[in-house]
Amino acid sequence: MYGPVFDTAGTLIDPGQGIRIFLYVTARSFDGYVWQAIEAKARGFKAILRRSVTVRVVEDVDEVVLSAAEAKALVAGDPDVLKRVQLQTEIVKLEALRAAHLDQQVQARWELKRLPQRIADLRARVETIAADVAFRDAHAPQPNAHGDKPFSFVVDGRAYSDRVEAAPAFAAVIDRGVDEFAAGQATGSCPSMSIAAYRGFEVTVRPATSGTIRLGLRCPERSDALEYATARTLEAAQVPAYGIGLFQRLDHLFDALDAELKAAQDGLAREETNLTSYTDQLARPFEHEEALLFAQRDLARIDRKLTHHGGSSGPPAPPCINAALDDEAAA
């Protein structure tokens, strides 16, 4: 006969309507627990895919396993026994969430002690770098009638207007600084030293790793001015070979001041956001506190009921198991 056909899995195969799948669940059986496990896993996946920036803990879906107590409750068929096991599982989970919440509160308190000073330091750094950027712009060489920017470099009290001519004198003063560093290392003191002046800034040199040095720039207007050092080091023995490349490194430092200011501003904004976030987090109560108290009260109620009926602190043995034991003893 032509018409709908059911296969052994409960699938309805209807040539005119396509395929429809029917799922059957048996009451008081293991089926309910299977769907509970699937639901818990789906919640875990949704929590990950939600991509929330405020959620730091996601429930472990691998913890959804059937315990021996839950298996006994399923066999017993007593709704109070099954409810008791479910409440115990729920309480364990909620207590773990509360412990994580308390850990976050401790972290928030620690961060709130650290952040005010960190923010103050970053604000001072932003103000200092901004002042250095303004000082750099005020002393930037202006193009002449031919569109060329004039060059001025002062070393050993002499001003140079040509890079090629100034390069040997610059290399010579760096070599003297290296010799002083070697003497300072013997006495345990080798800070950076000012060796020249370029575009209104002091040019400094400081020792880096073995046999290398770093060039730097420092605003002479403030005693607490920041010193900006080159990212790449120079081989002390090869300084004369760098030639006018020494000035190019200083020019790159001037250009990098804008990025340095942007990084400091971003760091300040980030820490100010963290301060607000941790303040809100510290004031936020445990969101599942009411559910935990309700579950604990409900569990206590069921324990009293089972104790009253069973005469013991634990749940009574399932009737079907007791009957089987009695029949075996009688045989």
Protein backbone atom coordinates (compact mmCIF):
# COMPACT_ATOMS: atom_id res chain seq x y z
CA MET A 1 0.00 0.00 0.00
CA TYR A 2 1.31 3.42 -0.92
CA GLY A 3 1.42 5.79 2.03
CA PRO A 4 3.41 6.89 5.13
CA VAL A 5 5.88 4.33 6.47
CA PHE A 6 7.48 4.27 9.97
CA ASP A 7 10.93 2.74 10.38
CA THR A 8 12.24 1.14 13.56
CA ALA A 9 13.71 4.43 14.84
CA GLY A 10 10.33 6.17 14.78
CA THR A 11 11.04 8.13 11.61
CA LEU A 12 8.02 8.93 9.47
CA ILE A 13 8.87 8.59 5.80
CA ASP A 14 6.11 10.25 3.79
CA PRO A 15 6.73 10.40 0.03
CA GLY A 16 4.48 13.43 -0.25
CA GLN A 17 5.66 15.40 2.81
CA GLY A 18 9.35 14.53 3.10
CA ILE A 19 10.84 13.07 6.30
CA ARG A 20 9.61 13.86 9.80
CA ILE A 21 11.45 12.53 12.88
CA PHE A 22 9.62 11.73 16.11
CA LEU A 23 11.54 11.31 19.40
CA TYR A 24 10.04 9.30 22.24
CA VAL A 25 11.00 9.67 25.92
CA THR A 26 10.06 7.13 28.58
CA ALA A 27 8.95 8.58 31.91
CA ARG A 28 11.18 7.80 34.93
CA SER A 29 13.91 6.34 32.74
CA PHE A 30 17.45 7.17 31.70
CA ASP A 31 16.06 9.15 28.73
CA GLY A 32 15.40 12.21 30.85
CA TYR A 33 18.98 12.30 32.07
CA VAL A 34 20.30 12.05 28.50
CA TRP A 35 18.31 15.13 27.49
CA GLN A 36 19.44 16.91 30.65
CA ALA A 37 23.06 16.27 29.67
CA ILE A 38 22.42 17.54 26.14
CA GLU A 39 20.79 20.68 27.54
CA ALA A 40 23.76 21.34 29.85
CA LYS A 41 26.21 20.94 26.99
CA ALA A 42 24.16 23.28 24.80
CA ARG A 43 24.27 25.93 27.55
CA GLY A 44 28.04 25.59 27.75
CA PHE A 45 28.45 26.02 23.99
CA LYS A 46 26.12 29.03 23.94
CA ALA A 47 28.11 30.63 26.78
CA ILE A 48 31.29 30.31 24.71
CA LEU A 49 29.72 31.54 21.48
CA ARG A 50 28.13 34.51 23.27
CA ARG A 51 31.61 36.13 23.35
CA SER A 52 30.80 38.24 26.38
CA VAL A 53 33.72 40.39 27.61
CA THR A 54 32.50 40.29 31.20
CA VAL A 55 32.11 36.50 31.61
CA ARG A 56 35.38 34.86 32.65
CA VAL A 57 34.10 31.44 33.78
CA VAL A 58 32.19 28.93 31.64
CA GLU A 59 30.64 25.81 33.10
CA ASP A 60 32.55 22.65 32.21
CA VAL A 61 30.21 20.48 30.13
CA ASP A 62 32.38 17.41 30.81
CA GLU A 63 31.08 17.39 34.38
CA VAL A 64 27.64 16.29 33.14
CA VAL A 65 27.92 12.61 34.09
CA LEU A 66 25.57 10.19 35.78
CA SER A 67 26.49 9.44 39.37
CA ALA A 68 25.69 6.23 41.24
CA ALA A 69 23.24 8.15 43.44
CA GLU A 70 21.38 9.45 40.40
CA ALA A 71 21.23 5.96 38.89
CA LYS A 72 19.74 4.64 42.14
CA ALA A 73 17.22 7.48 42.15
CA LEU A 74 16.15 6.61 38.61
CA VAL A 75 15.62 2.97 39.59
CA ALA A 76 13.72 3.89 42.75
CA GLY A 77 11.06 5.84 40.91
CA ASP A 78 10.55 8.03 44.00
CA PRO A 79 10.36 11.67 42.88
CA ASP A 80 11.71 12.88 46.24
CA VAL A 81 14.78 10.67 45.94
CA LEU A 82 15.46 11.90 42.41
CA LYS A 83 14.78 15.50 43.46
CA ARG A 84 17.22 15.11 46.37
CA VAL A 85 20.02 13.96 44.09
CA GLN A 86 19.31 16.75 41.62
CA LEU A 87 19.38 19.32 44.42
CA GLN A 88 22.69 17.98 45.72
CA THR A 89 24.19 18.30 42.22
CA GLU A 90 22.77 21.80 41.83
CA ILE A 91 24.09 22.91 45.23
CA VAL A 92 27.59 21.66 44.40
CA LYS A 93 27.52 23.63 41.15
CA LEU A 94 26.19 26.80 42.79
CA GLU A 95 28.73 26.61 45.60
CA ALA A 96 31.49 26.32 43.00
CA LEU A 97 30.11 29.42 41.27
CA ARG A 98 29.99 31.25 44.60
CA ALA A 99 33.62 30.31 45.27
CA ALA A 100 34.57 31.67 41.84
CA HIS A 101 32.62 34.85 42.64
CA LEU A 102 34.53 35.27 45.92
CA ASP A 103 37.83 34.78 44.07
CA GLN A 104 36.82 37.52 41.65
CA GLN A 105 35.95 39.79 44.59
CA VAL A 106 39.40 39.24 46.09
CA GLN A 107 40.99 39.99 42.70
CA ALA A 108 38.88 43.14 42.38
CA ARG A 109 39.97 44.39 45.82
CA TRP A 110 43.62 43.81 44.95
CA GLU A 111 43.27 45.60 41.61
CA LEU A 112 41.45 48.54 43.24
CA LYS A 113 44.42 48.99 45.58
CA ARG A 114 46.88 48.99 42.67
CA LEU A 115 45.00 50.89 39.97
CA PRO A 116 44.84 54.42 41.50
CA GLN A 117 48.63 54.70 41.68
CA ARG A 118 48.99 53.06 38.27
CA ILE A 119 46.54 55.56 36.76
CA ALA A 120 48.33 58.48 38.41
CA ASP A 121 51.65 57.29 36.98
CA LEU A 122 50.16 56.89 33.51
CA ARG A 123 48.60 60.34 33.63
CA ALA A 124 51.95 61.85 34.56
CA ARG A 125 53.58 59.90 31.73
CA VAL A 126 50.99 61.09 29.22
CA GLU A 127 51.49 64.71 30.32
CA THR A 128 55.27 64.38 30.08
CA ILE A 129 55.25 62.80 26.62
CA ALA A 130 52.71 65.35 25.39
CA ALA A 131 55.01 68.14 26.60
CA ASP A 132 57.96 66.50 24.83
CA VAL A 133 55.96 66.22 21.60
CA ALA A 134 55.08 69.92 21.83
CA PHE A 135 58.75 70.77 22.50
CA ARG A 136 59.80 68.67 19.49
CA ASP A 137 57.30 70.41 17.22
CA ALA A 138 58.39 73.83 18.45
CA HIS A 139 62.03 73.05 17.58
CA ALA A 140 61.38 71.23 14.32
CA PRO A 141 63.50 72.59 11.44
CA GLN A 142 61.48 74.64 8.97
CA PRO A 143 62.03 74.18 5.23
CA ASN A 144 63.89 77.01 3.50
CA ALA A 145 63.05 78.60 0.16
CA HIS A 146 64.38 75.53 -1.67
CA GLY A 147 62.25 73.15 0.42
CA ASP A 148 65.26 71.78 2.32
CA LYS A 149 65.21 71.46 6.10
CA PRO A 150 68.28 72.98 7.76
CA PHE A 151 70.46 70.71 9.88
CA SER A 152 71.97 71.75 13.22
CA PHE A 153 73.92 69.49 15.53
CA VAL A 154 75.96 70.68 18.53
CA VAL A 155 78.76 68.54 19.94
CA ASP A 156 81.71 69.62 22.11
CA GLY A 157 80.44 73.20 21.93
CA ARG A 158 80.62 73.33 18.13
CA ALA A 159 77.57 73.59 15.88
CA TYR A 160 77.52 71.59 12.64
CA SER A 161 75.22 72.34 9.72
CA ASP A 162 76.22 69.38 7.58
CA ARG A 163 75.49 65.74 8.50
CA VAL A 164 78.57 64.32 6.76
CA GLU A 165 80.84 66.77 8.58
CA ALA A 166 79.14 66.20 11.94
CA ALA A 167 79.20 62.38 11.77
CA PRO A 168 82.92 61.90 12.71
CA ALA A 169 82.62 64.29 15.65
CA PHE A 170 79.46 62.49 16.79
CA ALA A 171 81.19 59.11 16.56
CA ALA A 172 84.20 60.45 18.49
CA VAL A 173 82.10 61.67 21.42
CA ILE A 174 80.27 58.33 21.50
CA ASP A 175 83.64 56.54 21.72
CA ARG A 176 84.60 58.73 24.67
CA GLY A 177 81.34 57.82 26.32
CA VAL A 178 82.07 54.12 25.80
CA ASP A 179 85.44 54.56 27.51
CA GLU A 180 83.74 56.28 30.45
CA PHE A 181 81.24 53.44 30.66
CA ALA A 182 84.08 50.97 30.86
CA ALA A 183 85.57 52.93 33.77
CA GLY A 184 82.15 53.24 35.39
CA GLN A 185 81.56 49.49 35.20
CA ALA A 186 84.72 48.99 37.18
CA THR A 187 83.35 51.23 39.93
CA GLY A 188 79.79 49.85 39.66
CA SER A 189 78.24 53.03 38.17
CA CYS A 190 77.44 53.60 34.49
CA PRO A 191 74.29 55.72 33.92
CA SER A 192 73.45 57.41 30.64
CA MET A 193 75.32 60.57 29.80
CA SER A 194 74.56 63.62 27.66
CA ILE A 195 76.98 64.01 24.75
CA ALA A 196 75.39 66.42 22.24
CA ALA A 197 72.32 68.51 21.33
CA TYR A 198 69.99 67.93 18.38
CA ARG A 199 66.76 69.77 17.51
CA GLY A 200 66.56 71.19 21.04
CA PHE A 201 66.92 67.79 22.78
CA GLU A 202 69.89 66.39 24.63
CA VAL A 203 71.46 63.41 22.89
CA THR A 204 72.39 60.68 25.37
CA VAL A 205 74.26 57.42 25.21
CA ARG A 206 73.94 54.49 27.61
CA PRO A 207 75.45 51.00 27.75
CA ALA A 208 73.29 48.08 26.61
CA THR A 209 74.38 44.47 26.36
CA SER A 210 78.03 43.49 26.21
CA GLY A 211 79.84 45.61 23.64
CA THR A 212 76.77 47.57 22.55
CA ILE A 213 75.22 50.95 23.33
CA ARG A 214 71.92 52.80 22.83
CA LEU A 215 71.41 56.39 21.75
CA GLY A 216 68.68 58.44 23.38
CA LEU A 217 66.92 61.79 23.52
CA ARG A 218 65.89 63.82 26.56
CA CYS A 219 64.16 67.18 26.88
CA PRO A 220 66.50 69.61 28.68
CA GLU A 221 63.67 71.75 30.13
CA ARG A 222 62.77 69.34 32.98
CA SER A 223 64.96 67.50 35.44
CA ASP A 224 62.49 64.59 35.56
CA ALA A 225 62.16 64.35 31.78
CA LEU A 226 61.82 60.93 30.16
CA GLU A 227 64.67 59.50 28.16
CA TYR A 228 63.71 57.88 24.86
CA ALA A 229 66.22 55.25 23.77
CA THR A 230 66.63 53.59 20.38
CA ALA A 231 65.13 50.13 20.05
CA ARG A 232 68.16 48.76 18.22
CA THR A 233 71.60 48.78 19.78
CA LEU A 234 74.85 49.92 18.20
CA GLU A 235 78.07 47.96 18.15
CA ALA A 236 80.46 50.14 20.14
CA ALA A 237 83.46 49.09 18.04
CA GLN A 238 81.62 49.91 14.78
CA VAL A 239 80.25 53.37 15.67
CA PRO A 240 82.40 55.32 13.10
CA ALA A 241 81.11 53.02 10.35
CA TYR A 242 77.50 54.09 10.90
CA GLY A 243 78.24 57.58 9.53
CA ILE A 244 75.15 59.71 8.97
CA GLY A 245 73.03 56.71 9.91
CA LEU A 246 73.52 57.85 13.51
CA PHE A 247 71.36 60.90 12.79
CA GLN A 248 68.74 58.78 11.06
CA ARG A 249 68.33 56.80 14.28
CA LEU A 250 67.73 60.01 16.20
CA ASP A 251 65.21 61.16 13.59
CA HIS A 252 63.35 57.86 14.01
CA LEU A 253 63.20 58.51 17.75
CA PHE A 254 61.60 61.90 17.13
CA ASP A 255 59.03 60.32 14.82
CA ALA A 256 58.29 57.58 17.37
CA LEU A 257 57.22 60.09 20.03
CA ASP A 258 53.70 60.19 18.56
CA ALA A 259 53.34 56.41 18.87
CA GLU A 260 54.77 56.59 22.39
CA LEU A 261 52.13 59.16 23.34
CA LYS A 262 49.35 57.07 21.76
CA ALA A 263 50.47 53.95 23.67
CA ALA A 264 50.49 55.85 26.97
CA GLN A 265 47.03 57.30 26.29
CA ASP A 266 45.65 53.86 25.40
CA GLY A 267 47.17 52.37 28.56
CA LEU A 268 45.61 55.12 30.66
CA ALA A 269 42.18 54.63 29.08
CA ARG A 270 42.46 50.87 29.59
CA GLU A 271 43.32 51.18 33.26
CA GLU A 272 40.54 53.72 33.84
CA THR A 273 38.11 51.26 32.26
CA ASN A 274 39.48 48.50 34.50
CA LEU A 275 38.97 50.73 37.55
CA THR A 276 35.30 51.21 36.68
CA SER A 277 34.86 47.53 35.87
CA TYR A 278 36.45 46.30 39.10
CA THR A 279 34.47 48.84 41.14
CA ASP A 280 31.24 47.54 39.64
CA GLN A 281 32.37 43.95 40.12
CA LEU A 282 33.12 44.52 43.80
CA ALA A 283 29.67 46.02 44.36
CA ARG A 284 27.93 43.19 42.48
CA PRO A 285 26.44 40.47 44.75
CA PHE A 286 26.48 36.78 43.92
CA GLU A 287 23.70 36.47 41.35
CA HIS A 288 22.80 32.90 42.30
CA GLU A 289 22.63 33.48 46.06
CA GLU A 290 18.84 33.23 46.18
CA ALA A 291 18.82 30.06 44.06
CA LEU A 292 21.45 28.50 46.33
CA LEU A 293 19.51 29.30 49.50
CA PHE A 294 16.31 27.96 47.94
CA ALA A 295 18.03 24.72 46.90
CA GLN A 296 19.55 24.27 50.37
CA ARG A 297 16.15 24.81 52.03
CA ASP A 298 14.45 22.44 49.59
CA LEU A 299 17.10 19.79 50.22
CA ALA A 300 16.69 20.14 53.97
CA ARG A 301 12.93 19.72 53.57
CA ILE A 302 13.30 16.56 51.49
CA ASP A 303 15.87 15.15 53.95
CA ARG A 304 13.42 15.68 56.81
CA LYS A 305 10.66 14.00 54.83
CA LEU A 306 12.79 11.01 53.86
CA THR A 307 14.11 10.69 57.42
CA HIS A 308 10.56 10.75 58.78
CA HIS A 309 9.39 8.03 56.40
CA GLY A 310 12.55 5.94 56.27
CA GLY A 311 13.79 6.28 59.86
CA SER A 312 17.32 7.17 58.74
CA SER A 313 19.18 10.23 57.59
CA GLY A 314 19.52 8.94 54.05
CA PRO A 315 16.90 8.17 51.41
CA PRO A 316 15.04 4.84 51.69
CA ALA A 317 16.06 1.96 49.48
CA PRO A 318 14.03 1.70 46.28
CA PRO A 319 10.95 -0.53 46.69
CA CYS A 320 11.76 -2.55 43.61
CA ILE A 321 15.22 -3.38 44.96
CA ASN A 322 13.87 -4.33 48.40
CA ALA A 323 11.24 -6.59 46.82
CA ALA A 324 13.89 -8.33 44.75
CA LEU A 325 16.02 -8.93 47.81
CA ASP A 326 13.05 -10.31 49.75
CA ASP A 327 12.15 -12.71 46.95
CA GLU A 328 15.74 -13.93 46.77
CA ALA A 329 15.89 -14.48 50.54
CA ALA A 330 12.60 -16.43 50.48
CA ALA A 331 13.87 -18.67 47.70
